[in-house]
Amino acid sequence: MQQWQPVSADSLLIEHVGDCYAVYSGATGDTHLLDALPVEVLKFLVDAAPCSGSEIAALIADVMDEPADAWVAQVSEVLERLRALQLVEHLAH
């Protein structure tokens, strides 16, 4: 199972701005505007990395009081989008 981690947890700054979040990555110097779910995924990774997509889905499902299976596909998609933004990466084997 693929494990994920933030690219640089120490250099991430997350600020709530209106109905979204500004996420600054000191590793790239980029700022991204994200919705709540990607930010929650990032926060879980900062707190508990490395994590698999299934583990993150289970954490979100617990918070939302829903079955984890309902979140696996969404979390997987979010992780790939965060990877494209260079905010998260696969853990090296």
C-alpha atoms as a PDB file:
ATOM      1  CA  MET A   1       0.000   0.000   0.000  1.00  0.00           C
ATOM      2  CA  GLN A   2       1.405   3.384  -1.053  1.00  0.00           C
ATOM      3  CA  GLN A   3       2.399   5.678   1.810  1.00  0.00           C
ATOM      4  CA  TRP A   4       2.195   9.473   1.561  1.00  0.00           C
ATOM      5  CA  GLN A   5       3.904  12.343   3.360  1.00  0.00           C
ATOM      6  CA  PRO A   6       4.059  16.131   3.022  1.00  0.00           C
ATOM      7  CA  VAL A   7       6.912  17.364   0.837  1.00  0.00           C
ATOM      8  CA  SER A   8       8.034  19.661   3.640  1.00  0.00           C
ATOM      9  CA  ALA A   9       5.687  19.745   6.635  1.00  0.00           C
ATOM     10  CA  ASP A  10       7.796  22.369   8.414  1.00  0.00           C
ATOM     11  CA  SER A  11       7.404  24.843   5.561  1.00  0.00           C
ATOM     12  CA  LEU A  12       3.628  24.562   5.048  1.00  0.00           C
ATOM     13  CA  LEU A  13       1.514  27.511   6.154  1.00  0.00           C
ATOM     14  CA  ILE A  14      -2.263  27.101   6.072  1.00  0.00           C
ATOM     15  CA  GLU A  15      -4.609  30.061   6.530  1.00  0.00           C
ATOM     16  CA  HIS A  16      -8.394  30.155   6.297  1.00  0.00           C
ATOM     17  CA  VAL A  17      -9.434  32.776   3.730  1.00  0.00           C
ATOM     18  CA  GLY A  18     -13.172  33.219   3.184  1.00  0.00           C
ATOM     19  CA  ASP A  19     -14.615  29.903   2.043  1.00  0.00           C
ATOM     20  CA  CYS A  20     -11.256  28.319   1.146  1.00  0.00           C
ATOM     21  CA  TYR A  21      -7.709  27.993   2.457  1.00  0.00           C
ATOM     22  CA  ALA A  22      -4.447  29.539   1.310  1.00  0.00           C
ATOM     23  CA  VAL A  23      -1.644  26.999   1.538  1.00  0.00           C
ATOM     24  CA  TYR A  24       1.918  28.263   1.192  1.00  0.00           C
ATOM     25  CA  SER A  25       4.717  25.814   0.516  1.00  0.00           C
ATOM     26  CA  GLY A  26       8.141  27.027   1.527  1.00  0.00           C
ATOM     27  CA  ALA A  27       9.610  24.127  -0.453  1.00  0.00           C
ATOM     28  CA  THR A  28       8.336  25.541  -3.772  1.00  0.00           C
ATOM     29  CA  GLY A  29       7.514  29.148  -2.864  1.00  0.00           C
ATOM     30  CA  ASP A  30       4.005  28.651  -4.264  1.00  0.00           C
ATOM     31  CA  THR A  31       0.679  29.531  -2.657  1.00  0.00           C
ATOM     32  CA  HIS A  32      -2.424  27.517  -3.508  1.00  0.00           C
ATOM     33  CA  LEU A  33      -6.108  28.138  -2.781  1.00  0.00           C
ATOM     34  CA  LEU A  34      -7.695  24.865  -1.674  1.00  0.00           C
ATOM     35  CA  ASP A  35     -11.070  23.645  -0.503  1.00  0.00           C
ATOM     36  CA  ALA A  36     -11.581  22.040   2.912  1.00  0.00           C
ATOM     37  CA  LEU A  37     -11.027  18.375   1.958  1.00  0.00           C
ATOM     38  CA  PRO A  38      -7.518  18.799   0.510  1.00  0.00           C
ATOM     39  CA  VAL A  39      -6.568  20.876   3.539  1.00  0.00           C
ATOM     40  CA  GLU A  40      -7.858  18.195   5.919  1.00  0.00           C
ATOM     41  CA  VAL A  41      -5.836  15.592   4.033  1.00  0.00           C
ATOM     42  CA  LEU A  42      -2.742  17.801   4.341  1.00  0.00           C
ATOM     43  CA  LYS A  43      -3.357  18.302   8.063  1.00  0.00           C
ATOM     44  CA  PHE A  44      -3.683  14.548   8.632  1.00  0.00           C
ATOM     45  CA  LEU A  45      -0.409  13.999   6.794  1.00  0.00           C
ATOM     46  CA  VAL A  46       1.381  16.715   8.743  1.00  0.00           C
ATOM     47  CA  ASP A  47       0.184  15.166  12.010  1.00  0.00           C
ATOM     48  CA  ALA A  48       0.506  11.461  11.195  1.00  0.00           C
ATOM     49  CA  ALA A  49       2.685  10.877   8.115  1.00  0.00           C
ATOM     50  CA  PRO A  50       3.393   8.518   6.607  1.00  0.00           C
ATOM     51  CA  CYS A  51      -0.169   7.420   5.874  1.00  0.00           C
ATOM     52  CA  SER A  52      -1.862   5.442   3.139  1.00  0.00           C
ATOM     53  CA  GLY A  53      -4.868   6.802   1.288  1.00  0.00           C
ATOM     54  CA  SER A  54      -7.021   4.228   3.072  1.00  0.00           C
ATOM     55  CA  GLU A  55      -5.779   5.375   6.475  1.00  0.00           C
ATOM     56  CA  ILE A  56      -6.561   9.002   5.618  1.00  0.00           C
ATOM     57  CA  ALA A  57     -10.013   7.991   4.318  1.00  0.00           C
ATOM     58  CA  ALA A  58     -10.664   6.205   7.622  1.00  0.00           C
ATOM     59  CA  LEU A  59      -9.644   9.303   9.608  1.00  0.00           C
ATOM     60  CA  ILE A  60     -11.913  11.555   7.542  1.00  0.00           C
ATOM     61  CA  ALA A  61     -14.763   9.049   7.725  1.00  0.00           C
ATOM     62  CA  ASP A  62     -14.413   8.980  11.503  1.00  0.00           C
ATOM     63  CA  VAL A  63     -14.687  12.778  11.683  1.00  0.00           C
ATOM     64  CA  MET A  64     -17.649  12.770   9.279  1.00  0.00           C
ATOM     65  CA  ASP A  65     -19.256   9.728  10.978  1.00  0.00           C
ATOM     66  CA  GLU A  66     -19.512   7.907   7.648  1.00  0.00           C
ATOM     67  CA  PRO A  67     -18.102   4.623   6.297  1.00  0.00           C
ATOM     68  CA  ALA A  68     -14.453   4.819   5.208  1.00  0.00           C
ATOM     69  CA  ASP A  69     -15.278   3.186   1.866  1.00  0.00           C
ATOM     70  CA  ALA A  70     -17.223   6.311   0.951  1.00  0.00           C
ATOM     71  CA  TRP A  71     -14.019   8.391   1.130  1.00  0.00           C
ATOM     72  CA  VAL A  72     -11.336   6.185  -0.445  1.00  0.00           C
ATOM     73  CA  ALA A  73     -11.826   7.351  -4.059  1.00  0.00           C
ATOM     74  CA  GLN A  74     -12.090  11.029  -3.089  1.00  0.00           C
ATOM     75  CA  VAL A  75      -8.988  10.878  -0.896  1.00  0.00           C
ATOM     76  CA  SER A  76      -7.035   9.117  -3.652  1.00  0.00           C
ATOM     77  CA  GLU A  77      -7.981  11.846  -6.119  1.00  0.00           C
ATOM     78  CA  VAL A  78      -7.081  14.574  -3.610  1.00  0.00           C
ATOM     79  CA  LEU A  79      -3.684  12.990  -2.928  1.00  0.00           C
ATOM     80  CA  GLU A  80      -2.896  12.931  -6.645  1.00  0.00           C
ATOM     81  CA  ARG A  81      -3.904  16.600  -6.996  1.00  0.00           C
ATOM     82  CA  LEU A  82      -1.783  17.535  -3.971  1.00  0.00           C
ATOM     83  CA  ARG A  83       1.130  15.590  -5.488  1.00  0.00           C
ATOM     84  CA  ALA A  84       0.744  17.543  -8.745  1.00  0.00           C
ATOM     85  CA  LEU A  85       0.974  20.750  -6.671  1.00  0.00           C
ATOM     86  CA  GLN A  86       4.151  19.388  -5.009  1.00  0.00           C
ATOM     87  CA  LEU A  87       2.562  19.500  -1.541  1.00  0.00           C
ATOM     88  CA  VAL A  88       2.714  15.748  -0.885  1.00  0.00           C
ATOM     89  CA  GLU A  89       4.844  12.888  -2.157  1.00  0.00           C
ATOM     90  CA  HIS A  90       5.032   9.113  -2.076  1.00  0.00           C
ATOM     91  CA  LEU A  91       7.238   7.844   0.694  1.00  0.00           C
ATOM     92  CA  ALA A  92      10.475   6.495  -0.761  1.00  0.00           C
ATOM     93  CA  HIS A  93      10.879   2.743  -0.255  1.00  0.00           C
END
